[in-house]
Amino acid sequence: YPHIVAHDAYGIMYTYKKAIEKARTIETDAVIEVMETMEFETPGYNRKFRKEDHSAYTDVPYGKTTKAPELVGIAMNLTDIHDANIIEPIEDVLERRAKKTPAPWMKYVIKG
C-alpha cells in the first residue's frame, strides 16, 4: 500500500507545476505569490494555503477510532465522524518559526 502521505506528495508536486505554469517563471517569489492563492487537490482531499505562513490545510474528519479486524495491520475505522478545520494558529506558527522550535506534532513522528 502507498504511504499515508503519498497523496500529499502527489498533490503538492502537481500544484507546484501548476504554479510555475501560471507564474510563467521559476523565479521563487513569483511562484510563491501564485501558490499563496491556490488550492490543491489530492486523491484524498483538497487543501488551501494560508498566505500568512504558507501552511496547507484542509477540513479534517475526526472521531472515535476502533480496530478494523477486516483490514490489514493496524488499520482503524473512524466512527462518530465530525468535520473540523484544524490548523495551528498563525500567531503560534510565526512565533515558533522565529524561535526555531519544532512543531508540537513533531513529537508524534516515528523516526526509523
PDB file of N, CA and C in Angstrom:
ATOM      1  N   TYR A   1       0.843  -1.199   0.000  1.00  0.00           N
ATOM      2  CA  TYR A   1       0.000   0.000   0.000  1.00  0.00           C
ATOM      3  C   TYR A   1       0.881   1.253   0.000  1.00  0.00           C
ATOM      4  N   PRO A   2       0.431   2.361  -0.622  1.00  0.00           N
ATOM      5  CA  PRO A   2       1.210   3.601  -0.583  1.00  0.00           C
ATOM      6  C   PRO A   2       1.273   4.138   0.849  1.00  0.00           C
ATOM      7  N   HIS A   3       2.296   4.917   1.126  1.00  0.00           N
ATOM      8  CA  HIS A   3       2.427   5.567   2.431  1.00  0.00           C
ATOM      9  C   HIS A   3       1.267   6.535   2.618  1.00  0.00           C
ATOM     10  N   ILE A   4       0.912   6.819   3.855  1.00  0.00           N
ATOM     11  CA  ILE A   4      -0.259   7.666   4.163  1.00  0.00           C
ATOM     12  C   ILE A   4      -0.134   9.082   3.596  1.00  0.00           C
ATOM     13  N   VAL A   5       1.083   9.587   3.389  1.00  0.00           N
ATOM     14  CA  VAL A   5       1.228  10.944   2.863  1.00  0.00           C
ATOM     15  C   VAL A   5       1.512  10.971   1.361  1.00  0.00           C
ATOM     16  N   ALA A   6       1.397   9.838   0.689  1.00  0.00           N
ATOM     17  CA  ALA A   6       1.667   9.787  -0.750  1.00  0.00           C
ATOM     18  C   ALA A   6       0.761  10.742  -1.517  1.00  0.00           C
ATOM     19  N   HIS A   7      -0.507  10.840  -1.113  1.00  0.00           N
ATOM     20  CA  HIS A   7      -1.416  11.739  -1.832  1.00  0.00           C
ATOM     21  C   HIS A   7      -1.019  13.198  -1.650  1.00  0.00           C
ATOM     22  N   ASP A   8      -0.446  13.569  -0.480  1.00  0.00           N
ATOM     23  CA  ASP A   8       0.024  14.944  -0.279  1.00  0.00           C
ATOM     24  C   ASP A   8       1.221  15.242  -1.176  1.00  0.00           C
ATOM     25  N   ALA A   9       2.150  14.296  -1.268  1.00  0.00           N
ATOM     26  CA  ALA A   9       3.326  14.487  -2.129  1.00  0.00           C
ATOM     27  C   ALA A   9       2.894  14.668  -3.578  1.00  0.00           C
ATOM     28  N   TYR A  10       1.967  13.841  -4.028  1.00  0.00           N
ATOM     29  CA  TYR A  10       1.439  13.964  -5.384  1.00  0.00           C
ATOM     30  C   TYR A  10       0.787  15.340  -5.570  1.00  0.00           C
ATOM     31  N   GLY A  11      -0.064  15.706  -4.641  1.00  0.00           N
ATOM     32  CA  GLY A  11      -0.821  16.959  -4.755  1.00  0.00           C
ATOM     33  C   GLY A  11       0.069  18.184  -4.770  1.00  0.00           C
ATOM     34  N   ILE A  12       1.066  18.225  -3.901  1.00  0.00           N
ATOM     35  CA  ILE A  12       1.901  19.425  -3.824  1.00  0.00           C
ATOM     36  C   ILE A  12       2.809  19.542  -5.040  1.00  0.00           C
ATOM     37  N   MET A  13       3.306  18.427  -5.559  1.00  0.00           N
ATOM     38  CA  MET A  13       4.149  18.499  -6.758  1.00  0.00           C
ATOM     39  C   MET A  13       3.332  18.956  -7.968  1.00  0.00           C
ATOM     40  N   TYR A  14       2.114  18.471  -8.083  1.00  0.00           N
ATOM     41  CA  TYR A  14       1.244  18.891  -9.170  1.00  0.00           C
ATOM     42  C   TYR A  14       0.901  20.381  -9.016  1.00  0.00           C
ATOM     43  N   THR A  15       0.677  20.837  -7.805  1.00  0.00           N
ATOM     44  CA  THR A  15       0.377  22.247  -7.540  1.00  0.00           C
ATOM     45  C   THR A  15       1.570  23.127  -7.883  1.00  0.00           C
ATOM     46  N   TYR A  16       2.765  22.681  -7.508  1.00  0.00           N
ATOM     47  CA  TYR A  16       3.987  23.426  -7.829  1.00  0.00           C
ATOM     48  C   TYR A  16       4.117  23.585  -9.349  1.00  0.00           C
ATOM     49  N   LYS A  17       3.853  22.512 -10.082  1.00  0.00           N
ATOM     50  CA  LYS A  17       3.881  22.551 -11.544  1.00  0.00           C
ATOM     51  C   LYS A  17       2.880  23.583 -12.069  1.00  0.00           C
ATOM     52  N   LYS A  18       1.647  23.539 -11.539  1.00  0.00           N
ATOM     53  CA  LYS A  18       0.613  24.478 -11.994  1.00  0.00           C
ATOM     54  C   LYS A  18       0.991  25.919 -11.647  1.00  0.00           C
ATOM     55  N   ALA A  19       1.626  26.131 -10.491  1.00  0.00           N
ATOM     56  CA  ALA A  19       2.022  27.480 -10.084  1.00  0.00           C
ATOM     57  C   ALA A  19       3.102  28.034 -11.013  1.00  0.00           C
ATOM     58  N   ILE A  20       4.061  27.202 -11.397  1.00  0.00           N
ATOM     59  CA  ILE A  20       5.098  27.636 -12.339  1.00  0.00           C
ATOM     60  C   ILE A  20       4.467  28.003 -13.676  1.00  0.00           C
ATOM     61  N   GLU A  21       3.538  27.181 -14.133  1.00  0.00           N
ATOM     62  CA  GLU A  21       2.867  27.479 -15.404  1.00  0.00           C
ATOM     63  C   GLU A  21       2.085  28.789 -15.321  1.00  0.00           C
ATOM     64  N   LYS A  22       1.409  29.005 -14.208  1.00  0.00           N
ATOM     65  CA  LYS A  22       0.619  30.232 -14.052  1.00  0.00           C
ATOM     66  C   LYS A  22       1.524  31.457 -13.909  1.00  0.00           C
ATOM     67  N   ALA A  23       2.644  31.323 -13.176  1.00  0.00           N
ATOM     68  CA  ALA A  23       3.577  32.436 -12.993  1.00  0.00           C
ATOM     69  C   ALA A  23       4.411  32.692 -14.242  1.00  0.00           C
ATOM     70  N   ARG A  24       4.502  31.675 -15.109  1.00  0.00           N
ATOM     71  CA  ARG A  24       5.307  31.732 -16.341  1.00  0.00           C
ATOM     72  C   ARG A  24       6.780  31.992 -16.053  1.00  0.00           C
ATOM     73  N   THR A  25       7.228  31.481 -14.897  1.00  0.00           N
ATOM     74  CA  THR A  25       8.623  31.613 -14.497  1.00  0.00           C
ATOM     75  C   THR A  25       8.886  30.608 -13.379  1.00  0.00           C
ATOM     76  N   ILE A  26      10.172  30.344 -13.135  1.00  0.00           N
ATOM     77  CA  ILE A  26      10.525  29.517 -11.970  1.00  0.00           C
ATOM     78  C   ILE A  26      11.100  30.396 -10.867  1.00  0.00           C
ATOM     79  N   GLU A  27      10.994  31.715 -11.033  1.00  0.00           N
ATOM     80  CA  GLU A  27      11.505  32.651 -10.026  1.00  0.00           C
ATOM     81  C   GLU A  27      10.715  32.455  -8.731  1.00  0.00           C
ATOM     82  N   THR A  28      11.441  32.258  -7.638  1.00  0.00           N
ATOM     83  CA  THR A  28      10.850  31.844  -6.367  1.00  0.00           C
ATOM     84  C   THR A  28       9.717  32.751  -5.901  1.00  0.00           C
ATOM     85  N   ASP A  29       9.955  34.061  -5.836  1.00  0.00           N
ATOM     86  CA  ASP A  29       8.933  34.976  -5.308  1.00  0.00           C
ATOM     87  C   ASP A  29       7.660  34.962  -6.153  1.00  0.00           C
ATOM     88  N   ALA A  30       7.815  34.861  -7.460  1.00  0.00           N
ATOM     89  CA  ALA A  30       6.637  34.823  -8.348  1.00  0.00           C
ATOM     90  C   ALA A  30       5.839  33.541  -8.130  1.00  0.00           C
ATOM     91  N   VAL A  31       6.530  32.421  -7.995  1.00  0.00           N
ATOM     92  CA  VAL A  31       5.840  31.148  -7.769  1.00  0.00           C
ATOM     93  C   VAL A  31       5.142  31.158  -6.401  1.00  0.00           C
ATOM     94  N   ILE A  32       5.816  31.678  -5.392  1.00  0.00           N
ATOM     95  CA  ILE A  32       5.199  31.771  -4.058  1.00  0.00           C
ATOM     96  C   ILE A  32       3.937  32.622  -4.122  1.00  0.00           C
ATOM     97  N   GLU A  33       4.007  33.752  -4.787  1.00  0.00           N
ATOM     98  CA  GLU A  33       2.838  34.642  -4.887  1.00  0.00           C
ATOM     99  C   GLU A  33       1.641  33.925  -5.495  1.00  0.00           C
ATOM    100  N   VAL A  34       1.886  33.147  -6.531  1.00  0.00           N
ATOM    101  CA  VAL A  34       0.809  32.389  -7.159  1.00  0.00           C
ATOM    102  C   VAL A  34       0.292  31.309  -6.211  1.00  0.00           C
ATOM    103  N   MET A  35       1.203  30.580  -5.571  1.00  0.00           N
ATOM    104  CA  MET A  35       0.786  29.465  -4.713  1.00  0.00           C
ATOM    105  C   MET A  35      -0.014  29.933  -3.491  1.00  0.00           C
ATOM    106  N   GLU A  36       0.242  31.153  -3.031  1.00  0.00           N
ATOM    107  CA  GLU A  36      -0.464  31.660  -1.856  1.00  0.00           C
ATOM    108  C   GLU A  36      -1.976  31.739  -2.054  1.00  0.00           C
ATOM    109  N   THR A  37      -2.406  31.771  -3.287  1.00  0.00           N
ATOM    110  CA  THR A  37      -3.844  31.892  -3.562  1.00  0.00           C
ATOM    111  C   THR A  37      -4.436  30.594  -4.105  1.00  0.00           C
ATOM    112  N   MET A  38      -3.629  29.543  -4.156  1.00  0.00           N
ATOM    113  CA  MET A  38      -4.085  28.302  -4.773  1.00  0.00           C
ATOM    114  C   MET A  38      -4.697  27.338  -3.766  1.00  0.00           C
ATOM    115  N   GLU A  39      -5.503  26.465  -4.312  1.00  0.00           N
ATOM    116  CA  GLU A  39      -5.959  25.278  -3.599  1.00  0.00           C
ATOM    117  C   GLU A  39      -5.378  24.108  -4.381  1.00  0.00           C
ATOM    118  N   PHE A  40      -5.132  22.998  -3.700  1.00  0.00           N
ATOM    119  CA  PHE A  40      -4.672  21.854  -4.459  1.00  0.00           C
ATOM    120  C   PHE A  40      -5.429  20.612  -4.074  1.00  0.00           C
ATOM    121  N   GLU A  41      -5.600  19.781  -5.082  1.00  0.00           N
ATOM    122  CA  GLU A  41      -6.358  18.545  -4.918  1.00  0.00           C
ATOM    123  C   GLU A  41      -5.408  17.381  -4.747  1.00  0.00           C
ATOM    124  N   THR A  42      -5.795  16.459  -3.917  1.00  0.00           N
ATOM    125  CA  THR A  42      -5.081  15.199  -3.782  1.00  0.00           C
ATOM    126  C   THR A  42      -6.114  14.096  -3.981  1.00  0.00           C
ATOM    127  N   PRO A  43      -5.672  12.874  -4.161  1.00  0.00           N
ATOM    128  CA  PRO A  43      -6.663  11.799  -4.252  1.00  0.00           C
ATOM    129  C   PRO A  43      -7.507  11.665  -2.976  1.00  0.00           C
ATOM    130  N   GLY A  44      -7.019  12.226  -1.860  1.00  0.00           N
ATOM    131  CA  GLY A  44      -7.750  12.106  -0.600  1.00  0.00           C
ATOM    132  C   GLY A  44      -8.665  13.275  -0.293  1.00  0.00           C
ATOM    133  N   TYR A  45      -8.227  14.497  -0.586  1.00  0.00           N
ATOM    134  CA  TYR A  45      -8.999  15.693  -0.233  1.00  0.00           C
ATOM    135  C   TYR A  45      -8.362  16.917  -0.859  1.00  0.00           C
ATOM    136  N   ASN A  46      -8.992  18.077  -0.696  1.00  0.00           N
ATOM    137  CA  ASN A  46      -8.464  19.344  -1.194  1.00  0.00           C
ATOM    138  C   ASN A  46      -7.826  20.112  -0.053  1.00  0.00           C
ATOM    139  N   ARG A  47      -6.796  20.885  -0.366  1.00  0.00           N
ATOM    140  CA  ARG A  47      -6.131  21.732   0.626  1.00  0.00           C
ATOM    141  C   ARG A  47      -6.057  23.160   0.109  1.00  0.00           C
ATOM    142  N   LYS A  48      -5.930  24.082   1.034  1.00  0.00           N
ATOM    143  CA  LYS A  48      -5.735  25.502   0.718  1.00  0.00           C
ATOM    144  C   LYS A  48      -4.445  25.945   1.410  1.00  0.00           C
ATOM    145  N   PHE A  49      -3.843  27.001   0.863  1.00  0.00           N
ATOM    146  CA  PHE A  49      -2.663  27.580   1.508  1.00  0.00           C
ATOM    147  C   PHE A  49      -3.088  28.789   2.319  1.00  0.00           C
ATOM    148  N   ARG A  50      -2.485  28.947   3.478  1.00  0.00           N
ATOM    149  CA  ARG A  50      -2.700  30.145   4.286  1.00  0.00           C
ATOM    150  C   ARG A  50      -1.567  31.111   3.948  1.00  0.00           C
ATOM    151  N   LYS A  51      -1.918  32.265   3.388  1.00  0.00           N
ATOM    152  CA  LYS A  51      -0.933  33.221   2.878  1.00  0.00           C
ATOM    153  C   LYS A  51       0.063  33.675   3.943  1.00  0.00           C
ATOM    154  N   GLU A  52      -0.396  33.856   5.161  1.00  0.00           N
ATOM    155  CA  GLU A  52       0.453  34.438   6.207  1.00  0.00           C
ATOM    156  C   GLU A  52       1.649  33.567   6.578  1.00  0.00           C
ATOM    157  N   ASP A  53       1.504  32.253   6.506  1.00  0.00           N
ATOM    158  CA  ASP A  53       2.614  31.378   6.922  1.00  0.00           C
ATOM    159  C   ASP A  53       2.842  30.204   5.981  1.00  0.00           C
ATOM    160  N   HIS A  54       2.085  30.167   4.883  1.00  0.00           N
ATOM    161  CA  HIS A  54       2.203  29.141   3.847  1.00  0.00           C
ATOM    162  C   HIS A  54       1.854  27.736   4.329  1.00  0.00           C
ATOM    163  N   SER A  55       1.124  27.643   5.415  1.00  0.00           N
ATOM    164  CA  SER A  55       0.633  26.340   5.852  1.00  0.00           C
ATOM    165  C   SER A  55      -0.438  25.869   4.885  1.00  0.00           C
ATOM    166  N   ALA A  56      -0.474  24.564   4.627  1.00  0.00           N
ATOM    167  CA  ALA A  56      -1.530  23.979   3.817  1.00  0.00           C
ATOM    168  C   ALA A  56      -2.503  23.307   4.771  1.00  0.00           C
ATOM    169  N   TYR A  57      -3.785  23.537   4.570  1.00  0.00           N
ATOM    170  CA  TYR A  57      -4.765  22.989   5.490  1.00  0.00           C
ATOM    171  C   TYR A  57      -5.986  22.481   4.750  1.00  0.00           C
ATOM    172  N   THR A  58      -6.761  21.695   5.451  1.00  0.00           N
ATOM    173  CA  THR A  58      -7.976  21.130   4.887  1.00  0.00           C
ATOM    174  C   THR A  58      -8.953  20.867   6.022  1.00  0.00           C
ATOM    175  N   ASP A  59     -10.195  20.613   5.665  1.00  0.00           N
ATOM    176  CA  ASP A  59     -11.134  20.128   6.669  1.00  0.00           C
ATOM    177  C   ASP A  59     -10.715  18.710   7.022  1.00  0.00           C
ATOM    178  N   VAL A  60     -10.641  18.433   8.277  1.00  0.00           N
ATOM    179  CA  VAL A  60     -10.168  17.124   8.729  1.00  0.00           C
ATOM    180  C   VAL A  60     -11.303  16.404   9.450  1.00  0.00           C
ATOM    181  N   PRO A  61     -11.655  15.222   8.950  1.00  0.00           N
ATOM    182  CA  PRO A  61     -12.650  14.459   9.708  1.00  0.00           C
ATOM    183  C   PRO A  61     -11.987  13.883  10.964  1.00  0.00           C
ATOM    184  N   TYR A  62     -12.699  13.925  12.056  1.00  0.00           N
ATOM    185  CA  TYR A  62     -12.167  13.317  13.271  1.00  0.00           C
ATOM    186  C   TYR A  62     -13.306  12.635  14.002  1.00  0.00           C
ATOM    187  N   GLY A  63     -12.953  11.725  14.850  1.00  0.00           N
ATOM    188  CA  GLY A  63     -13.956  10.987  15.605  1.00  0.00           C
ATOM    189  C   GLY A  63     -13.309   9.865  16.375  1.00  0.00           C
ATOM    190  N   LYS A  64     -14.089   8.941  16.803  1.00  0.00           N
ATOM    191  CA  LYS A  64     -13.610   7.796  17.567  1.00  0.00           C
ATOM    192  C   LYS A  64     -13.055   6.753  16.595  1.00  0.00           C
ATOM    193  N   THR A  65     -11.906   6.177  16.923  1.00  0.00           N
ATOM    194  CA  THR A  65     -11.346   5.117  16.090  1.00  0.00           C
ATOM    195  C   THR A  65     -11.458   3.777  16.797  1.00  0.00           C
ATOM    196  N   THR A  66     -11.715   2.765  16.018  1.00  0.00           N
ATOM    197  CA  THR A  66     -11.788   1.404  16.550  1.00  0.00           C
ATOM    198  C   THR A  66     -11.021   0.484  15.610  1.00  0.00           C
ATOM    199  N   LYS A  67     -10.478  -0.609  16.152  1.00  0.00           N
ATOM    200  CA  LYS A  67      -9.736  -1.579  15.349  1.00  0.00           C
ATOM    201  C   LYS A  67     -10.631  -2.105  14.235  1.00  0.00           C
ATOM    202  N   ALA A  68     -10.049  -2.225  13.044  1.00  0.00           N
ATOM    203  CA  ALA A  68     -10.779  -2.732  11.888  1.00  0.00           C
ATOM    204  C   ALA A  68     -10.261  -4.138  11.581  1.00  0.00           C
ATOM    205  N   PRO A  69     -10.847  -5.164  12.186  1.00  0.00           N
ATOM    206  CA  PRO A  69     -10.311  -6.521  12.028  1.00  0.00           C
ATOM    207  C   PRO A  69     -10.327  -7.024  10.584  1.00  0.00           C
ATOM    208  N   GLU A  70     -11.181  -6.451   9.758  1.00  0.00           N
ATOM    209  CA  GLU A  70     -11.246  -6.891   8.366  1.00  0.00           C
ATOM    210  C   GLU A  70     -10.121  -6.294   7.511  1.00  0.00           C
ATOM    211  N   LEU A  71      -9.357  -5.345   8.060  1.00  0.00           N
ATOM    212  CA  LEU A  71      -8.277  -4.696   7.314  1.00  0.00           C
ATOM    213  C   LEU A  71      -6.915  -5.167   7.809  1.00  0.00           C
ATOM    214  N   VAL A  72      -5.903  -4.961   6.990  1.00  0.00           N
ATOM    215  CA  VAL A  72      -4.546  -5.427   7.267  1.00  0.00           C
ATOM    216  C   VAL A  72      -3.846  -4.528   8.284  1.00  0.00           C
ATOM    217  N   GLY A  73      -3.017  -5.129   9.137  1.00  0.00           N
ATOM    218  CA  GLY A  73      -2.144  -4.369  10.033  1.00  0.00           C
ATOM    219  C   GLY A  73      -2.899  -3.653  11.137  1.00  0.00           C
ATOM    220  N   ILE A  74      -2.480  -2.411  11.371  1.00  0.00           N
ATOM    221  CA  ILE A  74      -3.069  -1.646  12.482  1.00  0.00           C
ATOM    222  C   ILE A  74      -4.190  -0.728  12.000  1.00  0.00           C
ATOM    223  N   ALA A  75      -4.786  -1.056  10.865  1.00  0.00           N
ATOM    224  CA  ALA A  75      -5.834  -0.218  10.279  1.00  0.00           C
ATOM    225  C   ALA A  75      -6.976  -0.009  11.270  1.00  0.00           C
ATOM    226  N   MET A  76      -7.526   1.192  11.229  1.00  0.00           N
ATOM    227  CA  MET A  76      -8.603   1.565  12.138  1.00  0.00           C
ATOM    228  C   MET A  76      -9.806   2.045  11.329  1.00  0.00           C
ATOM    229  N   ASN A  77     -10.981   1.939  11.923  1.00  0.00           N
ATOM    230  CA  ASN A  77     -12.196   2.533  11.368  1.00  0.00           C
ATOM    231  C   ASN A  77     -12.461   3.820  12.131  1.00  0.00           C
ATOM    232  N   LEU A  78     -12.855   4.857  11.414  1.00  0.00           N
ATOM    233  CA  LEU A  78     -13.217   6.113  12.035  1.00  0.00           C
ATOM    234  C   LEU A  78     -14.734   6.137  12.161  1.00  0.00           C
ATOM    235  N   THR A  79     -15.218   6.259  13.393  1.00  0.00           N
ATOM    236  CA  THR A  79     -16.662   6.292  13.635  1.00  0.00           C
ATOM    237  C   THR A  79     -17.010   7.581  14.362  1.00  0.00           C
ATOM    238  N   ASP A  80     -18.262   7.896  14.484  1.00  0.00           N
ATOM    239  CA  ASP A  80     -18.704   9.121  15.149  1.00  0.00           C
ATOM    240  C   ASP A  80     -17.958  10.315  14.549  1.00  0.00           C
ATOM    241  N   ILE A  81     -18.040  10.435  13.215  1.00  0.00           N
ATOM    242  CA  ILE A  81     -17.214  11.384  12.463  1.00  0.00           C
ATOM    243  C   ILE A  81     -17.739  12.819  12.577  1.00  0.00           C
ATOM    244  N   HIS A  82     -16.797  13.760  12.726  1.00  0.00           N
ATOM    245  CA  HIS A  82     -17.065  15.200  12.742  1.00  0.00           C
ATOM    246  C   HIS A  82     -16.135  15.840  11.726  1.00  0.00           C
ATOM    247  N   ASP A  83     -16.464  17.012  11.222  1.00  0.00           N
ATOM    248  CA  ASP A  83     -15.563  17.761  10.348  1.00  0.00           C
ATOM    249  C   ASP A  83     -15.102  18.995  11.096  1.00  0.00           C
ATOM    250  N   ALA A  84     -13.821  19.298  10.945  1.00  0.00           N
ATOM    251  CA  ALA A  84     -13.283  20.489  11.596  1.00  0.00           C
ATOM    252  C   ALA A  84     -12.145  21.032  10.752  1.00  0.00           C
ATOM    253  N   ASN A  85     -12.032  22.340  10.748  1.00  0.00           N
ATOM    254  CA  ASN A  85     -10.917  22.986  10.084  1.00  0.00           C
ATOM    255  C   ASN A  85      -9.833  23.119  11.142  1.00  0.00           C
ATOM    256  N   ILE A  86      -8.945  22.144  11.190  1.00  0.00           N
ATOM    257  CA  ILE A  86      -7.947  22.073  12.250  1.00  0.00           C
ATOM    258  C   ILE A  86      -6.616  22.533  11.696  1.00  0.00           C
ATOM    259  N   ILE A  87      -6.105  23.621  12.248  1.00  0.00           N
ATOM    260  CA  ILE A  87      -4.806  24.148  11.818  1.00  0.00           C
ATOM    261  C   ILE A  87      -4.222  24.944  12.976  1.00  0.00           C
ATOM    262  N   GLU A  88      -2.909  24.880  13.098  1.00  0.00           N
ATOM    263  CA  GLU A  88      -2.210  25.623  14.148  1.00  0.00           C
ATOM    264  C   GLU A  88      -2.430  27.115  13.906  1.00  0.00           C
ATOM    265  N   PRO A  89      -2.765  27.897  14.945  1.00  0.00           N
ATOM    266  CA  PRO A  89      -2.994  29.339  14.766  1.00  0.00           C
ATOM    267  C   PRO A  89      -1.769  30.044  14.168  1.00  0.00           C
ATOM    268  N   ILE A  90      -2.010  31.023  13.312  1.00  0.00           N
ATOM    269  CA  ILE A  90      -0.946  31.760  12.633  1.00  0.00           C
ATOM    270  C   ILE A  90       0.071  32.299  13.623  1.00  0.00           C
ATOM    271  N   GLU A  91      -0.405  32.896  14.706  1.00  0.00           N
ATOM    272  CA  GLU A  91       0.495  33.502  15.677  1.00  0.00           C
ATOM    273  C   GLU A  91       1.459  32.470  16.259  1.00  0.00           C
ATOM    274  N   ASP A  92       0.949  31.274  16.531  1.00  0.00           N
ATOM    275  CA  ASP A  92       1.791  30.208  17.082  1.00  0.00           C
ATOM    276  C   ASP A  92       2.851  29.762  16.082  1.00  0.00           C
ATOM    277  N   VAL A  93       2.461  29.639  14.816  1.00  0.00           N
ATOM    278  CA  VAL A  93       3.407  29.214  13.775  1.00  0.00           C
ATOM    279  C   VAL A  93       4.521  30.244  13.631  1.00  0.00           C
ATOM    280  N   LEU A  94       4.152  31.513  13.526  1.00  0.00           N
ATOM    281  CA  LEU A  94       5.152  32.560  13.326  1.00  0.00           C
ATOM    282  C   LEU A  94       6.084  32.677  14.526  1.00  0.00           C
ATOM    283  N   GLU A  95       5.540  32.561  15.736  1.00  0.00           N
ATOM    284  CA  GLU A  95       6.373  32.614  16.945  1.00  0.00           C
ATOM    285  C   GLU A  95       7.328  31.416  16.992  1.00  0.00           C
ATOM    286  N   ARG A  96       6.811  30.243  16.701  1.00  0.00           N
ATOM    287  CA  ARG A  96       7.629  29.032  16.709  1.00  0.00           C
ATOM    288  C   ARG A  96       8.743  29.117  15.679  1.00  0.00           C
ATOM    289  N   ARG A  97       8.433  29.622  14.508  1.00  0.00           N
ATOM    290  CA  ARG A  97       9.454  29.752  13.461  1.00  0.00           C
ATOM    291  C   ARG A  97      10.523  30.761  13.868  1.00  0.00           C
ATOM    292  N   ALA A  98      10.104  31.870  14.485  1.00  0.00           N
ATOM    293  CA  ALA A  98      11.077  32.883  14.923  1.00  0.00           C
ATOM    294  C   ALA A  98      12.030  32.305  15.972  1.00  0.00           C
ATOM    295  N   LYS A  99      11.507  31.444  16.836  1.00  0.00           N
ATOM    296  CA  LYS A  99      12.327  30.810  17.887  1.00  0.00           C
ATOM    297  C   LYS A  99      13.046  29.558  17.383  1.00  0.00           C
ATOM    298  N   LYS A 100      12.726  29.147  16.144  1.00  0.00           N
ATOM    299  CA  LYS A 100      13.303  27.940  15.541  1.00  0.00           C
ATOM    300  C   LYS A 100      13.051  26.692  16.400  1.00  0.00           C
ATOM    301  N   THR A 101      11.829  26.584  16.893  1.00  0.00           N
ATOM    302  CA  THR A 101      11.446  25.393  17.658  1.00  0.00           C
ATOM    303  C   THR A 101      10.560  24.506  16.774  1.00  0.00           C
ATOM    304  N   PRO A 102      10.587  23.196  17.004  1.00  0.00           N
ATOM    305  CA  PRO A 102       9.793  22.295  16.167  1.00  0.00           C
ATOM    306  C   PRO A 102       8.293  22.417  16.439  1.00  0.00           C
ATOM    307  N   ALA A 103       7.526  22.002  15.457  1.00  0.00           N
ATOM    308  CA  ALA A 103       6.063  21.981  15.614  1.00  0.00           C
ATOM    309  C   ALA A 103       5.692  20.998  16.714  1.00  0.00           C
ATOM    310  N   PRO A 104       4.636  21.281  17.488  1.00  0.00           N
ATOM    311  CA  PRO A 104       4.264  20.397  18.590  1.00  0.00           C
ATOM    312  C   PRO A 104       3.921  18.977  18.150  1.00  0.00           C
ATOM    313  N   TRP A 105       3.408  18.824  16.939  1.00  0.00           N
ATOM    314  CA  TRP A 105       3.051  17.494  16.471  1.00  0.00           C
ATOM    315  C   TRP A 105       4.261  16.636  16.122  1.00  0.00           C
ATOM    316  N   MET A 106       5.440  17.253  16.005  1.00  0.00           N
ATOM    317  CA  MET A 106       6.647  16.507  15.643  1.00  0.00           C
ATOM    318  C   MET A 106       6.988  15.433  16.683  1.00  0.00           C
ATOM    319  N   LYS A 107       6.534  15.622  17.917  1.00  0.00           N
ATOM    320  CA  LYS A 107       6.842  14.620  18.944  1.00  0.00           C
ATOM    321  C   LYS A 107       6.162  13.284  18.660  1.00  0.00           C
ATOM    322  N   TYR A 108       5.176  13.299  17.756  1.00  0.00           N
ATOM    323  CA  TYR A 108       4.474  12.056  17.414  1.00  0.00           C
ATOM    324  C   TYR A 108       5.067  11.359  16.181  1.00  0.00           C
ATOM    325  N   VAL A 109       6.044  11.994  15.541  1.00  0.00           N
ATOM    326  CA  VAL A 109       6.635  11.414  14.346  1.00  0.00           C
ATOM    327  C   VAL A 109       7.575  10.291  14.758  1.00  0.00           C
ATOM    328  N   ILE A 110       7.375   9.138  14.174  1.00  0.00           N
ATOM    329  CA  ILE A 110       8.207   7.974  14.479  1.00  0.00           C
ATOM    330  C   ILE A 110       9.436   8.020  13.581  1.00  0.00           C
ATOM    331  N   LYS A 111      10.584   8.057  14.201  1.00  0.00           N
ATOM    332  CA  LYS A 111      11.837   8.082  13.438  1.00  0.00           C
ATOM    333  C   LYS A 111      12.339   6.655  13.312  1.00  0.00           C
ATOM    334  N   GLY A 112      12.675   6.227  12.101  1.00  0.00           N
ATOM    335  CA  GLY A 112      13.035   4.850  11.891  1.00  0.00           C
ATOM    336  C   GLY A 112      14.466   4.603  11.603  1.00  0.00           C
TER     337      GLY A 112
END
